[in-house]
PDB file of N, CA and C in Angstrom:
ATOM      1  N   MET A   1      59.761   3.965   2.441  1.00  0.00           N
ATOM      2  CA  MET A   1      60.829   5.140   2.304  1.00  0.00           C
ATOM      3  C   MET A   1      60.125   6.558   2.297  1.00  0.00           C
ATOM      4  N   ARG A   2      60.625   7.413   3.065  1.00  0.00           N
ATOM      5  CA  ARG A   2      60.297   8.870   3.085  1.00  0.00           C
ATOM      6  C   ARG A   2      61.187   9.609   2.338  1.00  0.00           C
ATOM      7  N   TYR A   3      60.595  10.567   1.476  1.00  0.00           N
ATOM      8  CA  TYR A   3      61.295  11.412   0.547  1.00  0.00           C
ATOM      9  C   TYR A   3      61.168  13.030   0.930  1.00  0.00           C
ATOM     10  N   THR A   4      62.040  13.814   0.875  1.00  0.00           N
ATOM     11  CA  THR A   4      61.760  15.160   0.913  1.00  0.00           C
ATOM     12  C   THR A   4      61.190  15.839  -0.164  1.00  0.00           C
ATOM     13  N   LYS A   5      60.533  16.948   0.030  1.00  0.00           N
ATOM     14  CA  LYS A   5      60.071  17.569  -1.072  1.00  0.00           C
ATOM     15  C   LYS A   5      61.196  17.875  -2.143  1.00  0.00           C
ATOM     16  N   ASN A   6      62.205  18.149  -1.951  1.00  0.00           N
ATOM     17  CA  ASN A   6      63.303  18.222  -3.007  1.00  0.00           C
ATOM     18  C   ASN A   6      63.836  17.054  -3.682  1.00  0.00           C
ATOM     19  N   GLN A   7      63.831  15.976  -2.823  1.00  0.00           N
ATOM     20  CA  GLN A   7      64.276  14.801  -3.378  1.00  0.00           C
ATOM     21  C   GLN A   7      63.096  14.333  -4.521  1.00  0.00           C
ATOM     22  N   ALA A   8      61.797  14.637  -3.973  1.00  0.00           N
ATOM     23  CA  ALA A   8      60.665  14.096  -4.825  1.00  0.00           C
ATOM     24  C   ALA A   8      60.690  15.078  -5.998  1.00  0.00           C
ATOM     25  N   GLU A   9      60.861  16.301  -6.009  1.00  0.00           N
ATOM     26  CA  GLU A   9      61.080  17.058  -7.070  1.00  0.00           C
ATOM     27  C   GLU A   9      61.907  16.599  -8.118  1.00  0.00           C
ATOM     28  N   VAL A  10      63.188  16.161  -7.645  1.00  0.00           N
ATOM     29  CA  VAL A  10      64.276  15.766  -8.562  1.00  0.00           C
ATOM     30  C   VAL A  10      63.768  14.373  -9.354  1.00  0.00           C
ATOM     31  N   VAL A  11      63.377  13.681  -8.745  1.00  0.00           N
ATOM     32  CA  VAL A  11      62.678  12.337  -9.200  1.00  0.00           C
ATOM     33  C   VAL A  11      61.637  12.469 -10.170  1.00  0.00           C
ATOM     34  N   ALA A  12      60.785  13.356  -9.959  1.00  0.00           N
ATOM     35  CA  ALA A  12      59.490  13.743 -10.516  1.00  0.00           C
ATOM     36  C   ALA A  12      60.051  14.456 -11.861  1.00  0.00           C
ATOM     37  N   ILE A  13      60.924  15.130 -11.739  1.00  0.00           N
ATOM     38  CA  ILE A  13      61.566  15.594 -13.124  1.00  0.00           C
ATOM     39  C   ILE A  13      61.909  14.596 -13.950  1.00  0.00           C
ATOM     40  N   LYS A  14      62.681  13.648 -13.372  1.00  0.00           N
ATOM     41  CA  LYS A  14      63.198  12.553 -14.147  1.00  0.00           C
ATOM     42  C   LYS A  14      61.854  11.895 -14.663  1.00  0.00           C
ATOM     43  N   ALA A  15      60.927  11.573 -14.082  1.00  0.00           N
ATOM     44  CA  ALA A  15      59.635  11.126 -14.509  1.00  0.00           C
ATOM     45  C   ALA A  15      59.015  11.716 -15.805  1.00  0.00           C
ATOM     46  N   LEU A  16      59.266  13.199 -15.516  1.00  0.00           N
ATOM     47  CA  LEU A  16      58.724  13.934 -16.831  1.00  0.00           C
ATOM     48  C   LEU A  16      59.774  13.531 -17.880  1.00  0.00           C
ATOM     49  N   GLY A  17      61.057  13.524 -17.609  1.00  0.00           N
ATOM     50  CA  GLY A  17      61.781  13.232 -18.827  1.00  0.00           C
ATOM     51  C   GLY A  17      61.425  11.690 -19.590  1.00  0.00           C
ATOM     52  N   TRP A  18      61.017  10.761 -18.558  1.00  0.00           N
ATOM     53  CA  TRP A  18      60.814   9.416 -19.017  1.00  0.00           C
ATOM     54  C   TRP A  18      59.441   9.642 -19.682  1.00  0.00           C
ATOM     55  N   LEU A  19      58.433  10.305 -19.290  1.00  0.00           N
ATOM     56  CA  LEU A  19      57.388  10.403 -19.914  1.00  0.00           C
ATOM     57  C   LEU A  19      57.532  11.009 -21.352  1.00  0.00           C
ATOM     58  N   SER A  20      58.327  12.080 -21.527  1.00  0.00           N
ATOM     59  CA  SER A  20      58.834  12.900 -22.658  1.00  0.00           C
ATOM     60  C   SER A  20      59.261  12.135 -23.676  1.00  0.00           C
ATOM     61  N   ALA A  21      59.903  11.100 -23.237  1.00  0.00           N
ATOM     62  CA  ALA A  21      60.615  10.147 -24.288  1.00  0.00           C
ATOM     63  C   ALA A  21      59.817   9.306 -25.188  1.00  0.00           C
ATOM     64  N   GLN A  22      58.608   9.111 -24.599  1.00  0.00           N
ATOM     65  CA  GLN A  22      57.407   8.074 -25.037  1.00  0.00           C
ATOM     66  C   GLN A  22      56.574   8.943 -25.749  1.00  0.00           C
ATOM     67  N   ASP A  23      56.513   9.151 -26.917  1.00  0.00           N
ATOM     68  CA  ASP A  23      55.413  10.143 -27.811  1.00  0.00           C
ATOM     69  C   ASP A  23      54.103   9.735 -27.438  1.00  0.00           C
ATOM     70  N   ASP A  24      53.617   8.580 -27.647  1.00  0.00           N
ATOM     71  CA  ASP A  24      52.274   8.115 -27.139  1.00  0.00           C
ATOM     72  C   ASP A  24      51.844   8.463 -25.853  1.00  0.00           C
ATOM     73  N   LEU A  25      52.471   8.097 -25.054  1.00  0.00           N
ATOM     74  CA  LEU A  25      52.227   8.355 -23.466  1.00  0.00           C
ATOM     75  C   LEU A  25      52.267   9.860 -23.333  1.00  0.00           C
ATOM     76  N   MET A  26      53.090  10.648 -23.736  1.00  0.00           N
ATOM     77  CA  MET A  26      53.325  11.828 -23.576  1.00  0.00           C
ATOM     78  C   MET A  26      52.026  12.604 -24.159  1.00  0.00           C
ATOM     79  N   MET A  27      51.674  12.168 -25.302  1.00  0.00           N
ATOM     80  CA  MET A  27      50.404  12.802 -25.658  1.00  0.00           C
ATOM     81  C   MET A  27      49.121  12.459 -24.889  1.00  0.00           C
ATOM     82  N   THR A  28      49.228  11.310 -24.238  1.00  0.00           N
ATOM     83  CA  THR A  28      48.043  10.925 -23.309  1.00  0.00           C
ATOM     84  C   THR A  28      48.099  11.716 -22.208  1.00  0.00           C
ATOM     85  N   PHE A  29      49.455  12.090 -21.518  1.00  0.00           N
ATOM     86  CA  PHE A  29      49.240  12.761 -20.512  1.00  0.00           C
ATOM     87  C   PHE A  29      48.890  14.138 -20.785  1.00  0.00           C
ATOM     88  N   LEU A  30      49.473  14.765 -21.968  1.00  0.00           N
ATOM     89  CA  LEU A  30      48.842  16.148 -22.399  1.00  0.00           C
ATOM     90  C   LEU A  30      47.331  16.331 -22.589  1.00  0.00           C
ATOM     91  N   GLY A  31      46.873  15.037 -23.129  1.00  0.00           N
ATOM     92  CA  GLY A  31      45.396  15.324 -23.208  1.00  0.00           C
ATOM     93  C   GLY A  31      44.791  14.985 -21.815  1.00  0.00           C
ATOM     94  N   ALA A  32      45.195  14.316 -20.903  1.00  0.00           N
ATOM     95  CA  ALA A  32      44.746  14.075 -19.833  1.00  0.00           C
ATOM     96  C   ALA A  32      44.669  15.238 -18.949  1.00  0.00           C
ATOM     97  N   THR A  33      45.532  15.901 -18.809  1.00  0.00           N
ATOM     98  CA  THR A  33      45.988  17.115 -17.976  1.00  0.00           C
ATOM     99  C   THR A  33      45.358  18.314 -18.554  1.00  0.00           C
ATOM    100  N   GLY A  34      45.230  18.277 -20.072  1.00  0.00           N
ATOM    101  CA  GLY A  34      45.104  19.523 -20.675  1.00  0.00           C
ATOM    102  C   GLY A  34      46.120  20.420 -20.886  1.00  0.00           C
ATOM    103  N   SER A  35      47.194  19.999 -20.664  1.00  0.00           N
ATOM    104  CA  SER A  35      48.648  20.971 -20.766  1.00  0.00           C
ATOM    105  C   SER A  35      49.095  20.879 -22.252  1.00  0.00           C
ATOM    106  N   GLY A  36      49.919  21.863 -22.745  1.00  0.00           N
ATOM    107  CA  GLY A  36      50.358  21.845 -24.003  1.00  0.00           C
ATOM    108  C   GLY A  36      52.019  21.843 -23.683  1.00  0.00           C
ATOM    109  N   LEU A  37      52.557  21.529 -24.723  1.00  0.00           N
ATOM    110  CA  LEU A  37      54.027  21.320 -24.804  1.00  0.00           C
ATOM    111  C   LEU A  37      54.837  22.537 -23.875  1.00  0.00           C
ATOM    112  N   ASP A  38      54.282  23.582 -24.446  1.00  0.00           N
ATOM    113  CA  ASP A  38      54.609  25.040 -23.565  1.00  0.00           C
ATOM    114  C   ASP A  38      54.480  24.827 -22.404  1.00  0.00           C
ATOM    115  N   ASP A  39      53.379  24.439 -21.752  1.00  0.00           N
ATOM    116  CA  ASP A  39      53.051  24.378 -20.249  1.00  0.00           C
ATOM    117  C   ASP A  39      54.150  23.499 -19.579  1.00  0.00           C
ATOM    118  N   VAL A  40      54.412  22.328 -20.285  1.00  0.00           N
ATOM    119  CA  VAL A  40      55.483  21.261 -19.732  1.00  0.00           C
ATOM    120  C   VAL A  40      56.856  22.173 -19.545  1.00  0.00           C
ATOM    121  N   ARG A  41      57.094  23.009 -20.651  1.00  0.00           N
ATOM    122  CA  ARG A  41      58.536  23.514 -20.575  1.00  0.00           C
ATOM    123  C   ARG A  41      58.636  24.515 -19.501  1.00  0.00           C
ATOM    124  N   GLU A  42      57.484  25.355 -19.337  1.00  0.00           N
ATOM    125  CA  GLU A  42      57.387  26.265 -18.520  1.00  0.00           C
ATOM    126  C   GLU A  42      57.165  25.980 -16.955  1.00  0.00           C
ATOM    127  N   ARG A  43      56.548  24.900 -16.789  1.00  0.00           N
ATOM    128  CA  ARG A  43      56.335  24.247 -15.430  1.00  0.00           C
ATOM    129  C   ARG A  43      57.004  23.259 -15.054  1.00  0.00           C
ATOM    130  N   ALA A  44      57.968  22.651 -15.827  1.00  0.00           N
ATOM    131  CA  ALA A  44      58.665  21.444 -15.368  1.00  0.00           C
ATOM    132  C   ALA A  44      59.389  21.472 -14.004  1.00  0.00           C
ATOM    133  N   GLY A  45      59.724  22.830 -13.591  1.00  0.00           N
ATOM    134  CA  GLY A  45      60.129  22.883 -12.291  1.00  0.00           C
ATOM    135  C   GLY A  45      59.290  23.289 -10.906  1.00  0.00           C
ATOM    136  N   ASP A  46      57.997  23.197 -11.304  1.00  0.00           N
ATOM    137  CA  ASP A  46      56.968  23.644 -10.665  1.00  0.00           C
ATOM    138  C   ASP A  46      56.298  22.225  -9.837  1.00  0.00           C
ATOM    139  N   ALA A  47      56.359  22.352  -8.468  1.00  0.00           N
ATOM    140  CA  ALA A  47      55.962  21.191  -7.728  1.00  0.00           C
ATOM    141  C   ALA A  47      54.622  20.790  -7.904  1.00  0.00           C
ATOM    142  N   ASP A  48      53.826  21.629  -7.992  1.00  0.00           N
ATOM    143  CA  ASP A  48      52.170  21.259  -8.337  1.00  0.00           C
ATOM    144  C   ASP A  48      52.108  20.395  -9.495  1.00  0.00           C
ATOM    145  N   PHE A  49      52.771  21.130 -10.706  1.00  0.00           N
ATOM    146  CA  PHE A  49      52.720  20.320 -11.930  1.00  0.00           C
ATOM    147  C   PHE A  49      53.368  19.078 -11.966  1.00  0.00           C
ATOM    148  N   LEU A  50      54.645  18.990 -11.115  1.00  0.00           N
ATOM    149  CA  LEU A  50      55.255  17.567 -10.999  1.00  0.00           C
ATOM    150  C   LEU A  50      54.338  16.578 -10.259  1.00  0.00           C
ATOM    151  N   ALA A  51      53.576  17.045  -9.346  1.00  0.00           N
ATOM    152  CA  ALA A  51      52.627  16.243  -8.742  1.00  0.00           C
ATOM    153  C   ALA A  51      51.824  15.605  -9.848  1.00  0.00           C
ATOM    154  N   SER A  52      51.293  16.453 -10.673  1.00  0.00           N
ATOM    155  CA  SER A  52      50.488  15.955 -11.863  1.00  0.00           C
ATOM    156  C   SER A  52      51.255  14.895 -12.617  1.00  0.00           C
ATOM    157  N   VAL A  53      52.416  15.095 -12.937  1.00  0.00           N
ATOM    158  CA  VAL A  53      53.049  14.100 -13.478  1.00  0.00           C
ATOM    159  C   VAL A  53      53.200  12.754 -12.576  1.00  0.00           C
ATOM    160  N   MET A  54      53.419  12.785 -11.332  1.00  0.00           N
ATOM    161  CA  MET A  54      53.305  11.605 -10.690  1.00  0.00           C
ATOM    162  C   MET A  54      51.953  11.083 -10.407  1.00  0.00           C
ATOM    163  N   ASP A  55      51.099  11.595 -10.342  1.00  0.00           N
ATOM    164  CA  ASP A  55      49.795  11.198 -10.265  1.00  0.00           C
ATOM    165  C   ASP A  55      49.422  10.320 -11.611  1.00  0.00           C
ATOM    166  N   PHE A  56      49.864  11.010 -12.768  1.00  0.00           N
ATOM    167  CA  PHE A  56      49.641  10.309 -13.934  1.00  0.00           C
ATOM    168  C   PHE A  56      50.156   9.174 -14.048  1.00  0.00           C
ATOM    169  N   ILE A  57      51.340   9.042 -13.732  1.00  0.00           N
ATOM    170  CA  ILE A  57      52.142   7.588 -13.885  1.00  0.00           C
ATOM    171  C   ILE A  57      51.452   6.761 -13.002  1.00  0.00           C
ATOM    172  N   LEU A  58      50.983   7.222 -11.625  1.00  0.00           N
ATOM    173  CA  LEU A  58      50.397   6.254 -10.824  1.00  0.00           C
ATOM    174  C   LEU A  58      49.185   5.381 -11.185  1.00  0.00           C
ATOM    175  N   MET A  59      48.666   6.127 -12.404  1.00  0.00           N
ATOM    176  CA  MET A  59      47.397   5.573 -12.886  1.00  0.00           C
ATOM    177  C   MET A  59      47.419   4.286 -13.484  1.00  0.00           C
ATOM    178  N   ASP A  60      48.678   3.829 -13.948  1.00  0.00           N
ATOM    179  CA  ASP A  60      48.913   2.561 -14.457  1.00  0.00           C
ATOM    180  C   ASP A  60      50.050   1.813 -13.936  1.00  0.00           C
ATOM    181  N   ASP A  61      49.872   0.585 -13.704  1.00  0.00           N
ATOM    182  CA  ASP A  61      50.933  -0.100 -13.110  1.00  0.00           C
ATOM    183  C   ASP A  61      52.145  -0.405 -14.204  1.00  0.00           C
ATOM    184  N   ASN A  62      51.775  -0.663 -15.323  1.00  0.00           N
ATOM    185  CA  ASN A  62      52.964  -0.707 -16.320  1.00  0.00           C
ATOM    186  C   ASN A  62      53.526   0.473 -16.391  1.00  0.00           C
ATOM    187  N   TRP A  63      53.137   1.772 -16.130  1.00  0.00           N
ATOM    188  CA  TRP A  63      53.836   3.093 -16.414  1.00  0.00           C
ATOM    189  C   TRP A  63      54.765   3.223 -15.074  1.00  0.00           C
ATOM    190  N   VAL A  64      54.277   2.730 -13.928  1.00  0.00           N
ATOM    191  CA  VAL A  64      55.108   2.569 -12.755  1.00  0.00           C
ATOM    192  C   VAL A  64      56.196   1.846 -12.795  1.00  0.00           C
ATOM    193  N   ARG A  65      55.844   0.467 -13.484  1.00  0.00           N
ATOM    194  CA  ARG A  65      57.017  -0.539 -13.625  1.00  0.00           C
ATOM    195  C   ARG A  65      58.139   0.124 -14.781  1.00  0.00           C
ATOM    196  N   GLY A  66      57.407   0.795 -15.668  1.00  0.00           N
ATOM    197  CA  GLY A  66      58.387   1.159 -16.696  1.00  0.00           C
ATOM    198  C   GLY A  66      59.226   2.487 -16.268  1.00  0.00           C
ATOM    199  N   PHE A  67      58.812   3.134 -15.282  1.00  0.00           N
ATOM    200  CA  PHE A  67      59.489   4.251 -14.954  1.00  0.00           C
ATOM    201  C   PHE A  67      60.505   3.786 -13.841  1.00  0.00           C
ATOM    202  N   CYS A  68      60.057   2.905 -12.984  1.00  0.00           N
ATOM    203  CA  CYS A  68      60.901   2.565 -11.821  1.00  0.00           C
ATOM    204  C   CYS A  68      62.042   1.538 -12.678  1.00  0.00           C
ATOM    205  N   ASP A  69      61.769   0.699 -13.483  1.00  0.00           N
ATOM    206  CA  ASP A  69      62.684  -0.023 -13.886  1.00  0.00           C
ATOM    207  C   ASP A  69      63.859   0.815 -14.665  1.00  0.00           C
ATOM    208  N   GLU A  70      63.428   1.803 -15.259  1.00  0.00           N
ATOM    209  CA  GLU A  70      64.281   2.655 -15.860  1.00  0.00           C
ATOM    210  C   GLU A  70      65.219   3.637 -14.962  1.00  0.00           C
ATOM    211  N   GLN A  71      64.777   3.755 -13.752  1.00  0.00           N
ATOM    212  CA  GLN A  71      65.352   4.478 -12.759  1.00  0.00           C
ATOM    213  C   GLN A  71      65.962   3.711 -11.510  1.00  0.00           C
ATOM    214  N   SER A  72      65.832   2.422 -11.808  1.00  0.00           N
ATOM    215  CA  SER A  72      66.236   1.282 -10.853  1.00  0.00           C
ATOM    216  C   SER A  72      65.744   1.905  -9.476  1.00  0.00           C
ATOM    217  N   LEU A  73      64.313   1.993  -9.221  1.00  0.00           N
ATOM    218  CA  LEU A  73      63.584   2.359  -8.013  1.00  0.00           C
ATOM    219  C   LEU A  73      62.700   1.203  -7.927  1.00  0.00           C
ATOM    220  N   PRO A  74      62.237   1.072  -6.569  1.00  0.00           N
ATOM    221  CA  PRO A  74      61.341   0.074  -6.032  1.00  0.00           C
ATOM    222  C   PRO A  74      59.873   0.517  -6.588  1.00  0.00           C
ATOM    223  N   TYR A  75      59.228  -0.396  -6.933  1.00  0.00           N
ATOM    224  CA  TYR A  75      57.716  -0.115  -7.413  1.00  0.00           C
ATOM    225  C   TYR A  75      57.068   0.747  -6.724  1.00  0.00           C
ATOM    226  N   ASP A  76      57.330   0.928  -5.271  1.00  0.00           N
ATOM    227  CA  ASP A  76      56.300   1.663  -4.356  1.00  0.00           C
ATOM    228  C   ASP A  76      56.936   3.090  -4.312  1.00  0.00           C
ATOM    229  N   ALA A  77      58.140   3.525  -5.023  1.00  0.00           N
ATOM    230  CA  ALA A  77      58.510   4.646  -4.844  1.00  0.00           C
ATOM    231  C   ALA A  77      57.874   5.941  -5.405  1.00  0.00           C
ATOM    232  N   PRO A  78      57.182   5.642  -6.597  1.00  0.00           N
ATOM    233  CA  PRO A  78      56.384   6.747  -7.157  1.00  0.00           C
ATOM    234  C   PRO A  78      55.255   7.226  -6.149  1.00  0.00           C
ATOM    235  N   GLN A  79      54.606   6.260  -5.217  1.00  0.00           N
ATOM    236  CA  GLN A  79      53.762   6.450  -4.291  1.00  0.00           C
ATOM    237  C   GLN A  79      54.246   7.479  -3.198  1.00  0.00           C
ATOM    238  N   HIS A  80      55.304   7.190  -2.786  1.00  0.00           N
ATOM    239  CA  HIS A  80      56.227   7.559  -1.620  1.00  0.00           C
ATOM    240  C   HIS A  80      56.597   8.868  -2.158  1.00  0.00           C
ATOM    241  N   LEU A  81      56.819   9.196  -3.415  1.00  0.00           N
ATOM    242  CA  LEU A  81      57.469  10.529  -3.908  1.00  0.00           C
ATOM    243  C   LEU A  81      56.127  11.264  -4.009  1.00  0.00           C
ATOM    244  N   ARG A  82      55.236  10.940  -4.460  1.00  0.00           N
ATOM    245  CA  ARG A  82      53.854  11.528  -4.674  1.00  0.00           C
ATOM    246  C   ARG A  82      53.526  12.286  -3.365  1.00  0.00           C
ATOM    247  N   MET A  83      53.580  11.431  -2.301  1.00  0.00           N
ATOM    248  CA  MET A  83      53.033  11.912  -1.051  1.00  0.00           C
ATOM    249  C   MET A  83      54.122  13.108  -0.433  1.00  0.00           C
ATOM    250  N   ALA A  84      55.239  13.281  -0.932  1.00  0.00           N
ATOM    251  CA  ALA A  84      56.083  14.467  -0.520  1.00  0.00           C
ATOM    252  C   ALA A  84      55.864  15.798  -1.343  1.00  0.00           C
ATOM    253  N   LEU A  85      55.048  15.465  -2.535  1.00  0.00           N
ATOM    254  CA  LEU A  85      54.722  16.588  -3.164  1.00  0.00           C
ATOM    255  C   LEU A  85      53.521  17.287  -2.881  1.00  0.00           C
ATOM    256  N   PRO A  86      52.878  18.409  -3.280  1.00  0.00           N
ATOM    257  CA  PRO A  86      52.003  19.205  -2.685  1.00  0.00           C
ATOM    258  C   PRO A  86      50.691  18.413  -3.024  1.00  0.00           C
ATOM    259  N   GLY A  87      49.815  18.135  -2.048  1.00  0.00           N
ATOM    260  CA  GLY A  87      48.591  17.814  -2.265  1.00  0.00           C
ATOM    261  C   GLY A  87      48.576  16.124  -2.029  1.00  0.00           C
ATOM    262  N   GLY A  88      50.093  15.693  -1.632  1.00  0.00           N
ATOM    263  CA  GLY A  88      50.005  14.226  -1.693  1.00  0.00           C
ATOM    264  C   GLY A  88      49.835  13.582  -0.249  1.00  0.00           C
ATOM    265  N   ALA A  89      49.764  14.590   0.949  1.00  0.00           N
ATOM    266  CA  ALA A  89      49.721  13.989   2.222  1.00  0.00           C
ATOM    267  C   ALA A  89      48.615  13.162   2.333  1.00  0.00           C
ATOM    268  N   LEU A  90      48.755  12.127   3.136  1.00  0.00           N
ATOM    269  CA  LEU A  90      47.554  11.165   3.297  1.00  0.00           C
ATOM    270  C   LEU A  90      46.441  11.876   4.354  1.00  0.00           C
ATOM    271  N   PRO A  91      45.275  11.727   4.038  1.00  0.00           N
ATOM    272  CA  PRO A  91      44.162  12.390   4.739  1.00  0.00           C
ATOM    273  C   PRO A  91      44.289  11.865   6.356  1.00  0.00           C
ATOM    274  N   ASN A  92      44.145  12.643   7.236  1.00  0.00           N
ATOM    275  CA  ASN A  92      43.917  12.537   8.685  1.00  0.00           C
ATOM    276  C   ASN A  92      42.583  12.461   8.787  1.00  0.00           C
ATOM    277  N   TRP A  93      42.143  11.424   9.082  1.00  0.00           N
ATOM    278  CA  TRP A  93      40.511  11.100   9.289  1.00  0.00           C
ATOM    279  C   TRP A  93      39.933  11.432  10.811  1.00  0.00           C
ATOM    280  N   THR A  94      40.888  11.716  11.509  1.00  0.00           N
ATOM    281  CA  THR A  94      40.454  11.950  12.931  1.00  0.00           C
ATOM    282  C   THR A  94      40.214  13.280  13.235  1.00  0.00           C
TER     283      THR A  94
END
């Protein structure tokens, strides 16, 4: 499935909400990205920041399944969503 940038941003905001509801995982995200809670609040609508949220979730199959199960999304949705956000385009090797 193809997502528009706007659709991807909306779902990525939901992903951020899902992440925020899990204290341990949120702390792992903050540590991995070097972000603080203030950064999360200030940049929650920033497409580049939302791309980092999706990158983080895509790091672990359990996180992908957990998010997708909660949002009733197919398990490949995060990958397709990520492709619609900045820096997510597949490279053209030709």
